[in-house]
Amino acid sequence: MKITKFKIILLVISILLIFQIYKNLTIPNTIGVESGKFKALKDSPNGVSSQSNNPDDKVAPLEMHGTVSEEKEKIKDLILSYENTKLIEENNDYLHFVFTTNFFHFKDDIEFFFDTENNIIDFKSQSRIGYSDMGVNRERYKRIREDYLNLN
């Protein structure tokens, strides 16, 4: 059987596609909070965080207006009111959601850390795959921030 350039290219594309699908379905190791800090954003322009030191990735934290349990319920109700969202993890001071796009089913991880010491809610949103998110996570942050402020 003769292997053509076309078959090799098709095989490489198939392998890359399978790898991307696997990455999209797996929660990345950049998710979670350690000692009150989110794990660092990836070194690509596809996410934002209120804890980032990079001005290109930086967004403002949300201000808490009530107790952690009250604010967590507001955030949960708000985020779950958006389509294609799922709560993945919740603990005393942390929420992790996944947003899934309609067509390609790409997944973005959204995290909230409730910092009682500073009376803020830290925010992080990052795409699982792809180098750039075309500003999607920053736009999502703006929408969440606006909707959250309208609740208070």
Protein backbone atom coordinates (compact mmCIF):
# COMPACT_ATOMS: atom_id res chain seq x y z
CA MET A 1 0.00 0.00 0.00
CA LYS A 2 1.41 3.33 -1.06
CA ILE A 3 1.39 6.08 1.55
CA THR A 4 0.78 9.44 -0.02
CA LYS A 5 1.41 12.92 1.36
CA PHE A 6 -2.35 13.34 1.57
CA LYS A 7 -2.71 10.25 3.81
CA ILE A 8 0.10 11.45 6.09
CA ILE A 9 -1.46 14.91 6.38
CA LEU A 10 -4.85 13.35 7.08
CA LEU A 11 -3.33 11.12 9.79
CA VAL A 12 -1.56 14.08 11.46
CA ILE A 13 -4.75 16.16 11.40
CA SER A 14 -6.71 13.25 12.88
CA ILE A 15 -4.21 12.80 15.71
CA LEU A 16 -4.25 16.54 16.48
CA LEU A 17 -8.04 16.57 16.44
CA ILE A 18 -8.24 13.62 18.85
CA PHE A 19 -5.75 15.36 21.17
CA GLN A 20 -7.82 18.58 21.14
CA ILE A 21 -11.04 16.67 21.84
CA TYR A 22 -9.36 14.95 24.81
CA LYS A 23 -8.10 18.30 26.16
CA ASN A 24 -11.58 19.79 25.77
CA LEU A 25 -13.16 16.98 27.82
CA THR A 26 -10.58 16.98 30.62
CA ILE A 27 -10.50 19.49 33.49
CA PRO A 28 -7.10 21.20 33.15
CA ASN A 29 -4.48 21.29 35.90
CA THR A 30 -4.77 25.11 35.92
CA ILE A 31 -8.11 24.90 37.78
CA GLY A 32 -8.48 25.40 41.51
CA VAL A 33 -7.43 27.56 44.42
CA GLU A 34 -4.39 27.09 46.63
CA SER A 35 -3.93 29.31 49.71
CA GLY A 36 -6.47 31.83 48.42
CA LYS A 37 -4.92 32.09 44.96
CA PHE A 38 -6.13 30.71 41.65
CA LYS A 39 -3.72 28.52 39.77
CA ALA A 40 -2.00 30.63 37.11
CA LEU A 41 -3.53 31.27 33.72
CA LYS A 42 -1.94 29.48 30.80
CA ASP A 43 0.67 31.40 28.80
CA SER A 44 -1.80 32.16 26.02
CA PRO A 45 -4.28 35.01 25.55
CA ASN A 46 -7.38 32.92 26.18
CA GLY A 47 -8.40 33.85 29.69
CA VAL A 48 -8.84 36.55 32.31
CA SER A 49 -8.39 36.66 36.07
CA SER A 50 -8.81 39.20 38.83
CA GLN A 51 -5.63 37.78 40.38
CA SER A 52 -3.47 38.08 37.27
CA ASN A 53 -0.32 40.22 37.37
CA ASN A 54 -0.45 40.66 33.60
CA PRO A 55 -2.45 43.79 32.65
CA ASP A 56 -3.61 42.08 29.43
CA ASP A 57 -5.33 39.32 31.46
CA LYS A 58 -6.42 41.40 34.46
CA VAL A 59 -10.04 42.09 35.40
CA ALA A 60 -11.43 43.63 38.59
CA PRO A 61 -12.80 41.39 41.33
CA LEU A 62 -16.48 41.64 42.25
CA GLU A 63 -17.42 43.35 45.50
CA MET A 64 -19.24 41.23 48.08
CA HIS A 65 -22.49 42.75 49.34
CA GLY A 66 -23.52 40.04 51.80
CA THR A 67 -22.30 36.87 53.46
CA VAL A 68 -20.34 34.28 51.51
CA SER A 69 -23.33 31.93 51.48
CA GLU A 70 -25.64 34.69 50.21
CA GLU A 71 -23.19 35.74 47.51
CA LYS A 72 -22.51 32.15 46.48
CA GLU A 73 -26.23 31.58 45.96
CA LYS A 74 -26.49 34.76 43.88
CA ILE A 75 -23.53 33.72 41.73
CA LYS A 76 -24.83 30.15 41.33
CA ASP A 77 -28.31 31.33 40.33
CA LEU A 78 -26.83 33.88 37.93
CA ILE A 79 -24.36 31.58 36.20
CA LEU A 80 -26.80 28.68 35.95
CA SER A 81 -29.33 31.02 34.33
CA TYR A 82 -27.00 31.26 31.31
CA GLU A 83 -27.37 28.54 28.71
CA ASN A 84 -24.94 25.63 28.51
CA THR A 85 -23.49 26.03 32.02
CA LYS A 86 -22.80 23.41 34.63
CA LEU A 87 -21.63 23.65 38.24
CA ILE A 88 -18.59 21.38 38.59
CA GLU A 89 -17.35 22.06 42.11
CA GLU A 90 -18.48 23.98 45.17
CA ASN A 91 -16.93 24.33 48.59
CA ASN A 92 -16.97 26.91 51.39
CA ASP A 93 -15.29 29.70 49.43
CA TYR A 94 -15.07 28.46 45.84
CA LEU A 95 -17.23 27.76 42.79
CA HIS A 96 -16.17 26.17 39.49
CA PHE A 97 -18.45 26.17 36.44
CA VAL A 98 -18.05 25.04 32.85
CA PHE A 99 -19.53 26.91 29.90
CA THR A 100 -19.96 24.86 26.71
CA THR A 101 -20.31 26.48 23.29
CA ASN A 102 -23.24 25.47 21.12
CA PHE A 103 -21.68 24.40 17.85
CA PHE A 104 -18.25 22.91 18.56
CA HIS A 105 -18.90 22.18 22.28
CA PHE A 106 -15.70 23.95 23.36
CA LYS A 107 -15.47 24.25 27.14
CA ASP A 108 -14.41 27.26 29.21
CA ASP A 109 -13.75 27.00 32.95
CA ILE A 110 -15.10 29.79 35.17
CA GLU A 111 -14.02 30.09 38.80
CA PHE A 112 -15.03 32.27 41.73
CA PHE A 113 -13.10 32.59 45.00
CA PHE A 114 -14.88 34.31 47.89
CA ASP A 115 -12.20 36.30 49.72
CA THR A 116 -13.73 37.28 53.08
CA GLU A 117 -10.55 39.01 54.24
CA ASN A 118 -10.83 41.59 51.44
CA ASN A 119 -14.64 41.35 50.96
CA ILE A 120 -14.27 40.53 47.26
CA ILE A 121 -15.09 37.73 44.86
CA ASP A 122 -12.13 36.86 42.67
CA PHE A 123 -12.94 35.73 39.14
CA LYS A 124 -11.15 33.60 36.56
CA SER A 125 -12.35 32.42 33.15
CA GLN A 126 -10.24 30.49 30.65
CA SER A 127 -10.74 28.44 27.51
CA ARG A 128 -9.55 24.84 27.69
CA ILE A 129 -8.23 24.68 24.14
CA GLY A 130 -6.95 27.08 21.53
CA TYR A 131 -4.35 29.79 21.74
CA SER A 132 -6.64 32.82 21.57
CA ASP A 133 -10.25 33.09 22.67
CA MET A 134 -10.95 36.19 20.51
CA GLY A 135 -11.93 38.08 23.69
CA VAL A 136 -14.75 35.70 24.65
CA ASN A 137 -13.70 35.29 28.29
CA ARG A 138 -13.31 39.05 28.81
CA GLU A 139 -16.78 39.62 27.30
CA ARG A 140 -18.19 36.88 29.53
CA TYR A 141 -16.64 38.59 32.56
CA LYS A 142 -18.22 41.93 31.56
CA ARG A 143 -21.63 40.31 31.23
CA ILE A 144 -21.33 38.48 34.55
CA ARG A 145 -20.11 41.64 36.29
CA GLU A 146 -22.98 43.72 34.91
CA ASP A 147 -25.60 41.09 35.74
CA TYR A 148 -24.14 40.62 39.24
CA LEU A 149 -24.17 44.39 39.91
CA ASN A 150 -27.82 44.50 38.82
CA LEU A 151 -28.64 41.93 41.52
CA ASN A 152 -27.30 44.19 44.30
